[in-house]
Amino acid sequence: MFWGSLFAVKQPDLKGILAFSTVSQLGLIMSLLGLGGFAYLVTGAAVEPFTFATFAAIFALFPHATVKGSLFMVAGI
């Protein structure tokens, strides 16, 4: 997550910034899914933390994909 953010700051072109910010956001989404799976493993049958983390990951994924796709089109892929 931090790796993508650090490399995004160092990029000279817009497409590189967008690509590395996508790496950063996907790291956040995968961290949420991993946290949800770990919470499900630790708590046993409690589904609420898993459901909340999965919903948060999906809620972050769809707006990111929609907006980032538009930004890549504007940047000129």
PDB file of N, CA and C in Angstrom:
ATOM      1  N   MET A   1       0.832  -1.178   0.000  1.00  0.00           N
ATOM      2  CA  MET A   1       0.000   0.000   0.000  1.00  0.00           C
ATOM      3  C   MET A   1       0.883   1.250   0.000  1.00  0.00           C
ATOM      4  N   PHE A   2       1.855   1.286   0.893  1.00  0.00           N
ATOM      5  CA  PHE A   2       2.723   2.454   0.970  1.00  0.00           C
ATOM      6  C   PHE A   2       3.695   2.500  -0.202  1.00  0.00           C
ATOM      7  N   TRP A   3       4.078   1.331  -0.692  1.00  0.00           N
ATOM      8  CA  TRP A   3       5.000   1.265  -1.817  1.00  0.00           C
ATOM      9  C   TRP A   3       4.393   1.948  -3.040  1.00  0.00           C
ATOM     10  N   GLY A   4       3.134   1.657  -3.329  1.00  0.00           N
ATOM     11  CA  GLY A   4       2.465   2.276  -4.469  1.00  0.00           C
ATOM     12  C   GLY A   4       2.338   3.778  -4.320  1.00  0.00           C
ATOM     13  N   SER A   5       2.065   4.232  -3.110  1.00  0.00           N
ATOM     14  CA  SER A   5       1.948   5.675  -2.870  1.00  0.00           C
ATOM     15  C   SER A   5       3.285   6.379  -3.038  1.00  0.00           C
ATOM     16  N   LEU A   6       4.339   5.767  -2.521  1.00  0.00           N
ATOM     17  CA  LEU A   6       5.658   6.388  -2.640  1.00  0.00           C
ATOM     18  C   LEU A   6       6.116   6.466  -4.087  1.00  0.00           C
ATOM     19  N   PHE A   7       5.886   5.409  -4.849  1.00  0.00           N
ATOM     20  CA  PHE A   7       6.284   5.438  -6.246  1.00  0.00           C
ATOM     21  C   PHE A   7       5.379   6.337  -7.079  1.00  0.00           C
ATOM     22  N   ALA A   8       4.133   6.518  -6.674  1.00  0.00           N
ATOM     23  CA  ALA A   8       3.239   7.423  -7.403  1.00  0.00           C
ATOM     24  C   ALA A   8       3.722   8.862  -7.297  1.00  0.00           C
ATOM     25  N   VAL A   9       4.258   9.223  -6.149  1.00  0.00           N
ATOM     26  CA  VAL A   9       4.745  10.590  -5.952  1.00  0.00           C
ATOM     27  C   VAL A   9       5.959  10.862  -6.834  1.00  0.00           C
ATOM     28  N   LYS A  10       6.753   9.837  -7.120  1.00  0.00           N
ATOM     29  CA  LYS A  10       7.986  10.013  -7.884  1.00  0.00           C
ATOM     30  C   LYS A  10       7.790   9.975  -9.398  1.00  0.00           C
ATOM     31  N   GLN A  11       6.597   9.674  -9.869  1.00  0.00           N
ATOM     32  CA  GLN A  11       6.367   9.526 -11.306  1.00  0.00           C
ATOM     33  C   GLN A  11       6.267  10.883 -11.997  1.00  0.00           C
ATOM     34  N   PRO A  12       6.912  11.020 -13.160  1.00  0.00           N
ATOM     35  CA  PRO A  12       6.847  12.300 -13.873  1.00  0.00           C
ATOM     36  C   PRO A  12       5.608  12.445 -14.761  1.00  0.00           C
ATOM     37  N   ASP A  13       4.990  11.338 -15.153  1.00  0.00           N
ATOM     38  CA  ASP A  13       3.842  11.426 -16.053  1.00  0.00           C
ATOM     39  C   ASP A  13       2.551  11.030 -15.344  1.00  0.00           C
ATOM     40  N   LEU A  14       1.450  11.481 -15.892  1.00  0.00           N
ATOM     41  CA  LEU A  14       0.144  11.270 -15.269  1.00  0.00           C
ATOM     42  C   LEU A  14      -0.259   9.802 -15.257  1.00  0.00           C
ATOM     43  N   LYS A  15       0.048   9.073 -16.339  1.00  0.00           N
ATOM     44  CA  LYS A  15      -0.333   7.661 -16.388  1.00  0.00           C
ATOM     45  C   LYS A  15       0.412   6.847 -15.337  1.00  0.00           C
ATOM     46  N   GLY A  16       1.661   7.178 -15.075  1.00  0.00           N
ATOM     47  CA  GLY A  16       2.418   6.492 -14.028  1.00  0.00           C
ATOM     48  C   GLY A  16       1.857   6.765 -12.646  1.00  0.00           C
ATOM     49  N   ILE A  17       1.457   8.005 -12.423  1.00  0.00           N
ATOM     50  CA  ILE A  17       0.844   8.353 -11.135  1.00  0.00           C
ATOM     51  C   ILE A  17      -0.450   7.574 -10.940  1.00  0.00           C
ATOM     52  N   LEU A  18      -1.266   7.508 -11.979  1.00  0.00           N
ATOM     53  CA  LEU A  18      -2.526   6.770 -11.888  1.00  0.00           C
ATOM     54  C   LEU A  18      -2.290   5.280 -11.674  1.00  0.00           C
ATOM     55  N   ALA A  19      -1.291   4.724 -12.350  1.00  0.00           N
ATOM     56  CA  ALA A  19      -1.021   3.291 -12.218  1.00  0.00           C
ATOM     57  C   ALA A  19      -0.560   2.945 -10.809  1.00  0.00           C
ATOM     58  N   PHE A  20       0.361   3.725 -10.264  1.00  0.00           N
ATOM     59  CA  PHE A  20       0.855   3.414  -8.927  1.00  0.00           C
ATOM     60  C   PHE A  20      -0.163   3.743  -7.843  1.00  0.00           C
ATOM     61  N   SER A  21      -1.040   4.700  -8.094  1.00  0.00           N
ATOM     62  CA  SER A  21      -2.098   4.927  -7.114  1.00  0.00           C
ATOM     63  C   SER A  21      -3.102   3.778  -7.133  1.00  0.00           C
ATOM     64  N   THR A  22      -3.266   3.133  -8.285  1.00  0.00           N
ATOM     65  CA  THR A  22      -4.092   1.928  -8.349  1.00  0.00           C
ATOM     66  C   THR A  22      -3.458   0.803  -7.546  1.00  0.00           C
ATOM     67  N   VAL A  23      -2.143   0.663  -7.632  1.00  0.00           N
ATOM     68  CA  VAL A  23      -1.438  -0.336  -6.820  1.00  0.00           C
ATOM     69  C   VAL A  23      -1.685  -0.068  -5.342  1.00  0.00           C
ATOM     70  N   SER A  24      -1.643   1.186  -4.954  1.00  0.00           N
ATOM     71  CA  SER A  24      -1.879   1.548  -3.560  1.00  0.00           C
ATOM     72  C   SER A  24      -3.301   1.211  -3.127  1.00  0.00           C
ATOM     73  N   GLN A  25      -4.281   1.540  -3.948  1.00  0.00           N
ATOM     74  CA  GLN A  25      -5.672   1.266  -3.596  1.00  0.00           C
ATOM     75  C   GLN A  25      -5.974  -0.229  -3.563  1.00  0.00           C
ATOM     76  N   LEU A  26      -5.381  -0.979  -4.473  1.00  0.00           N
ATOM     77  CA  LEU A  26      -5.585  -2.429  -4.441  1.00  0.00           C
ATOM     78  C   LEU A  26      -4.927  -3.051  -3.216  1.00  0.00           C
ATOM     79  N   GLY A  27      -3.828  -2.454  -2.754  1.00  0.00           N
ATOM     80  CA  GLY A  27      -3.243  -2.908  -1.497  1.00  0.00           C
ATOM     81  C   GLY A  27      -4.184  -2.675  -0.329  1.00  0.00           C
ATOM     82  N   LEU A  28      -4.866  -1.550  -0.327  1.00  0.00           N
ATOM     83  CA  LEU A  28      -5.853  -1.271   0.718  1.00  0.00           C
ATOM     84  C   LEU A  28      -7.007  -2.269   0.659  1.00  0.00           C
ATOM     85  N   ILE A  29      -7.491  -2.548  -0.528  1.00  0.00           N
ATOM     86  CA  ILE A  29      -8.609  -3.476  -0.687  1.00  0.00           C
ATOM     87  C   ILE A  29      -8.210  -4.880  -0.252  1.00  0.00           C
ATOM     88  N   MET A  30      -7.022  -5.328  -0.639  1.00  0.00           N
ATOM     89  CA  MET A  30      -6.576  -6.657  -0.222  1.00  0.00           C
ATOM     90  C   MET A  30      -6.326  -6.713   1.278  1.00  0.00           C
ATOM     91  N   SER A  31      -5.872  -5.615   1.863  1.00  0.00           N
ATOM     92  CA  SER A  31      -5.700  -5.575   3.319  1.00  0.00           C
ATOM     93  C   SER A  31      -7.039  -5.702   4.026  1.00  0.00           C
ATOM     94  N   LEU A  32      -8.059  -5.063   3.500  1.00  0.00           N
ATOM     95  CA  LEU A  32      -9.397  -5.192   4.083  1.00  0.00           C
ATOM     96  C   LEU A  32      -9.916  -6.622   3.989  1.00  0.00           C
ATOM     97  N   LEU A  33      -9.705  -7.257   2.845  1.00  0.00           N
ATOM     98  CA  LEU A  33     -10.149  -8.644   2.709  1.00  0.00           C
ATOM     99  C   LEU A  33      -9.373  -9.571   3.639  1.00  0.00           C
ATOM    100  N   GLY A  34      -8.070  -9.340   3.764  1.00  0.00           N
ATOM    101  CA  GLY A  34      -7.271 -10.142   4.686  1.00  0.00           C
ATOM    102  C   GLY A  34      -7.662  -9.917   6.129  1.00  0.00           C
ATOM    103  N   LEU A  35      -7.953  -8.685   6.482  1.00  0.00           N
ATOM    104  CA  LEU A  35      -8.394  -8.377   7.841  1.00  0.00           C
ATOM    105  C   LEU A  35      -9.734  -9.040   8.142  1.00  0.00           C
ATOM    106  N   GLY A  36     -10.624  -9.047   7.180  1.00  0.00           N
ATOM    107  CA  GLY A  36     -11.906  -9.717   7.368  1.00  0.00           C
ATOM    108  C   GLY A  36     -11.751 -11.216   7.535  1.00  0.00           C
ATOM    109  N   GLY A  37     -10.885 -11.814   6.732  1.00  0.00           N
ATOM    110  CA  GLY A  37     -10.638 -13.244   6.864  1.00  0.00           C
ATOM    111  C   GLY A  37      -9.986 -13.594   8.183  1.00  0.00           C
ATOM    112  N   PHE A  38      -9.059 -12.753   8.628  1.00  0.00           N
ATOM    113  CA  PHE A  38      -8.410 -12.983   9.918  1.00  0.00           C
ATOM    114  C   PHE A  38      -9.403 -12.828  11.065  1.00  0.00           C
ATOM    115  N   ALA A  39     -10.272 -11.844  10.972  1.00  0.00           N
ATOM    116  CA  ALA A  39     -11.283 -11.653  12.017  1.00  0.00           C
ATOM    117  C   ALA A  39     -12.236 -12.839  12.067  1.00  0.00           C
ATOM    118  N   TYR A  40     -12.583 -13.380  10.913  1.00  0.00           N
ATOM    119  CA  TYR A  40     -13.452 -14.560  10.879  1.00  0.00           C
ATOM    120  C   TYR A  40     -12.747 -15.766  11.484  1.00  0.00           C
ATOM    121  N   LEU A  41     -11.449 -15.894  11.216  1.00  0.00           N
ATOM    122  CA  LEU A  41     -10.679 -17.010  11.756  1.00  0.00           C
ATOM    123  C   LEU A  41     -10.542 -16.913  13.269  1.00  0.00           C
ATOM    124  N   VAL A  42     -10.298 -15.711  13.780  1.00  0.00           N
ATOM    125  CA  VAL A  42     -10.079 -15.522  15.213  1.00  0.00           C
ATOM    126  C   VAL A  42     -11.378 -15.627  16.004  1.00  0.00           C
ATOM    127  N   THR A  43     -12.438 -15.010  15.501  1.00  0.00           N
ATOM    128  CA  THR A  43     -13.683 -14.978  16.273  1.00  0.00           C
ATOM    129  C   THR A  43     -14.519 -16.238  16.117  1.00  0.00           C
ATOM    130  N   GLY A  44     -14.159 -17.105  15.230  1.00  0.00           N
ATOM    131  CA  GLY A  44     -14.927 -18.338  15.053  1.00  0.00           C
ATOM    132  C   GLY A  44     -16.130 -18.130  14.163  1.00  0.00           C
ATOM    133  N   ALA A  45     -17.295 -18.221  14.737  1.00  0.00           N
ATOM    134  CA  ALA A  45     -18.517 -18.171  13.941  1.00  0.00           C
ATOM    135  C   ALA A  45     -19.085 -16.761  13.793  1.00  0.00           C
ATOM    136  N   ALA A  46     -18.437 -15.758  14.369  1.00  0.00           N
ATOM    137  CA  ALA A  46     -18.942 -14.384  14.256  1.00  0.00           C
ATOM    138  C   ALA A  46     -18.723 -13.883  12.833  1.00  0.00           C
ATOM    139  N   VAL A  47     -19.789 -13.583  12.161  1.00  0.00           N
ATOM    140  CA  VAL A  47     -19.720 -13.210  10.755  1.00  0.00           C
ATOM    141  C   VAL A  47     -19.675 -11.694  10.575  1.00  0.00           C
ATOM    142  N   GLU A  48     -20.026 -10.927  11.585  1.00  0.00           N
ATOM    143  CA  GLU A  48     -20.136  -9.474  11.442  1.00  0.00           C
ATOM    144  C   GLU A  48     -18.820  -8.804  11.042  1.00  0.00           C
ATOM    145  N   PRO A  49     -17.670  -9.102  11.677  1.00  0.00           N
ATOM    146  CA  PRO A  49     -16.433  -8.439  11.236  1.00  0.00           C
ATOM    147  C   PRO A  49     -16.052  -8.808   9.806  1.00  0.00           C
ATOM    148  N   PHE A  50     -16.250 -10.070   9.445  1.00  0.00           N
ATOM    149  CA  PHE A  50     -15.946 -10.508   8.083  1.00  0.00           C
ATOM    150  C   PHE A  50     -16.838  -9.799   7.073  1.00  0.00           C
ATOM    151  N   THR A  51     -18.110  -9.710   7.380  1.00  0.00           N
ATOM    152  CA  THR A  51     -19.058  -9.051   6.487  1.00  0.00           C
ATOM    153  C   THR A  51     -18.746  -7.570   6.351  1.00  0.00           C
ATOM    154  N   PHE A  52     -18.416  -6.928   7.465  1.00  0.00           N
ATOM    155  CA  PHE A  52     -18.101  -5.500   7.427  1.00  0.00           C
ATOM    156  C   PHE A  52     -16.850  -5.231   6.603  1.00  0.00           C
ATOM    157  N   ALA A  53     -15.791  -6.021   6.806  1.00  0.00           N
ATOM    158  CA  ALA A  53     -14.547  -5.811   6.063  1.00  0.00           C
ATOM    159  C   ALA A  53     -14.736  -6.108   4.580  1.00  0.00           C
ATOM    160  N   THR A  54     -15.491  -7.135   4.251  1.00  0.00           N
ATOM    161  CA  THR A  54     -15.748  -7.459   2.850  1.00  0.00           C
ATOM    162  C   THR A  54     -16.589  -6.373   2.184  1.00  0.00           C
ATOM    163  N   PHE A  55     -17.593  -5.873   2.890  1.00  0.00           N
ATOM    164  CA  PHE A  55     -18.402  -4.782   2.354  1.00  0.00           C
ATOM    165  C   PHE A  55     -17.549  -3.531   2.140  1.00  0.00           C
ATOM    166  N   ALA A  56     -16.653  -3.241   3.071  1.00  0.00           N
ATOM    167  CA  ALA A  56     -15.776  -2.076   2.924  1.00  0.00           C
ATOM    168  C   ALA A  56     -14.853  -2.236   1.722  1.00  0.00           C
ATOM    169  N   ALA A  57     -14.341  -3.440   1.493  1.00  0.00           N
ATOM    170  CA  ALA A  57     -13.470  -3.679   0.341  1.00  0.00           C
ATOM    171  C   ALA A  57     -14.233  -3.509  -0.968  1.00  0.00           C
ATOM    172  N   ILE A  58     -15.433  -4.048  -1.031  1.00  0.00           N
ATOM    173  CA  ILE A  58     -16.243  -3.913  -2.246  1.00  0.00           C
ATOM    174  C   ILE A  58     -16.674  -2.463  -2.443  1.00  0.00           C
ATOM    175  N   PHE A  59     -16.995  -1.792  -1.342  1.00  0.00           N
ATOM    176  CA  PHE A  59     -17.384  -0.387  -1.418  1.00  0.00           C
ATOM    177  C   PHE A  59     -16.221   0.482  -1.900  1.00  0.00           C
ATOM    178  N   ALA A  60     -14.986   0.092  -1.620  1.00  0.00           N
ATOM    179  CA  ALA A  60     -13.819   0.828  -2.105  1.00  0.00           C
ATOM    180  C   ALA A  60     -13.479   0.448  -3.545  1.00  0.00           C
ATOM    181  N   LEU A  61     -13.780  -0.779  -3.934  1.00  0.00           N
ATOM    182  CA  LEU A  61     -13.388  -1.274  -5.250  1.00  0.00           C
ATOM    183  C   LEU A  61     -14.187  -0.643  -6.386  1.00  0.00           C
ATOM    184  N   PHE A  62     -15.494  -0.608  -6.281  1.00  0.00           N
ATOM    185  CA  PHE A  62     -16.314  -0.138  -7.392  1.00  0.00           C
ATOM    186  C   PHE A  62     -16.134   1.347  -7.710  1.00  0.00           C
ATOM    187  N   PRO A  63     -16.136   2.248  -6.739  1.00  0.00           N
ATOM    188  CA  PRO A  63     -15.871   3.649  -7.099  1.00  0.00           C
ATOM    189  C   PRO A  63     -14.461   3.859  -7.646  1.00  0.00           C
ATOM    190  N   HIS A  64     -13.497   3.118  -7.094  1.00  0.00           N
ATOM    191  CA  HIS A  64     -12.128   3.254  -7.594  1.00  0.00           C
ATOM    192  C   HIS A  64     -12.049   2.821  -9.057  1.00  0.00           C
ATOM    193  N   ALA A  65     -12.652   1.697  -9.379  1.00  0.00           N
ATOM    194  CA  ALA A  65     -12.606   1.204 -10.756  1.00  0.00           C
ATOM    195  C   ALA A  65     -13.311   2.155 -11.715  1.00  0.00           C
ATOM    196  N   THR A  66     -14.426   2.699 -11.300  1.00  0.00           N
ATOM    197  CA  THR A  66     -15.181   3.604 -12.161  1.00  0.00           C
ATOM    198  C   THR A  66     -14.413   4.896 -12.424  1.00  0.00           C
ATOM    199  N   VAL A  67     -13.948   5.505 -11.365  1.00  0.00           N
ATOM    200  CA  VAL A  67     -13.257   6.791 -11.507  1.00  0.00           C
ATOM    201  C   VAL A  67     -11.896   6.611 -12.163  1.00  0.00           C
ATOM    202  N   LYS A  68     -11.165   5.570 -11.783  1.00  0.00           N
ATOM    203  CA  LYS A  68      -9.825   5.388 -12.347  1.00  0.00           C
ATOM    204  C   LYS A  68      -9.883   5.038 -13.824  1.00  0.00           C
ATOM    205  N   GLY A  69     -10.899   4.283 -14.238  1.00  0.00           N
ATOM    206  CA  GLY A  69     -11.064   4.011 -15.662  1.00  0.00           C
ATOM    207  C   GLY A  69     -11.291   5.288 -16.452  1.00  0.00           C
ATOM    208  N   SER A  70     -12.098   6.168 -15.915  1.00  0.00           N
ATOM    209  CA  SER A  70     -12.338   7.459 -16.571  1.00  0.00           C
ATOM    210  C   SER A  70     -11.072   8.302 -16.610  1.00  0.00           C
ATOM    211  N   LEU A  71     -10.321   8.301 -15.522  1.00  0.00           N
ATOM    212  CA  LEU A  71      -9.086   9.088 -15.487  1.00  0.00           C
ATOM    213  C   LEU A  71      -8.047   8.554 -16.467  1.00  0.00           C
ATOM    214  N   PHE A  72      -7.959   7.239 -16.616  1.00  0.00           N
ATOM    215  CA  PHE A  72      -7.030   6.680 -17.597  1.00  0.00           C
ATOM    216  C   PHE A  72      -7.441   7.064 -19.014  1.00  0.00           C
ATOM    217  N   MET A  73      -8.741   7.120 -19.290  1.00  0.00           N
ATOM    218  CA  MET A  73      -9.184   7.545 -20.615  1.00  0.00           C
ATOM    219  C   MET A  73      -8.839   9.009 -20.869  1.00  0.00           C
ATOM    220  N   VAL A  74      -8.981   9.834 -19.850  1.00  0.00           N
ATOM    221  CA  VAL A  74      -8.637  11.250 -19.994  1.00  0.00           C
ATOM    222  C   VAL A  74      -7.131  11.421 -20.166  1.00  0.00           C
ATOM    223  N   ALA A  75      -6.339  10.575 -19.498  1.00  0.00           N
ATOM    224  CA  ALA A  75      -4.884  10.679 -19.582  1.00  0.00           C
ATOM    225  C   ALA A  75      -4.354  10.234 -20.937  1.00  0.00           C
ATOM    226  N   GLY A  76      -5.149   9.514 -21.705  1.00  0.00           N
ATOM    227  CA  GLY A  76      -4.757   9.179 -23.066  1.00  0.00           C
ATOM    228  C   GLY A  76      -4.110   7.825 -23.237  1.00  0.00           C
ATOM    229  N   ILE A  77      -4.774   6.806 -22.772  1.00  0.00           N
ATOM    230  CA  ILE A  77      -4.234   5.460 -23.007  1.00  0.00           C
ATOM    231  C   ILE A  77      -4.588   5.038 -24.405  1.00  0.00           C
TER     232      ILE A  77
END
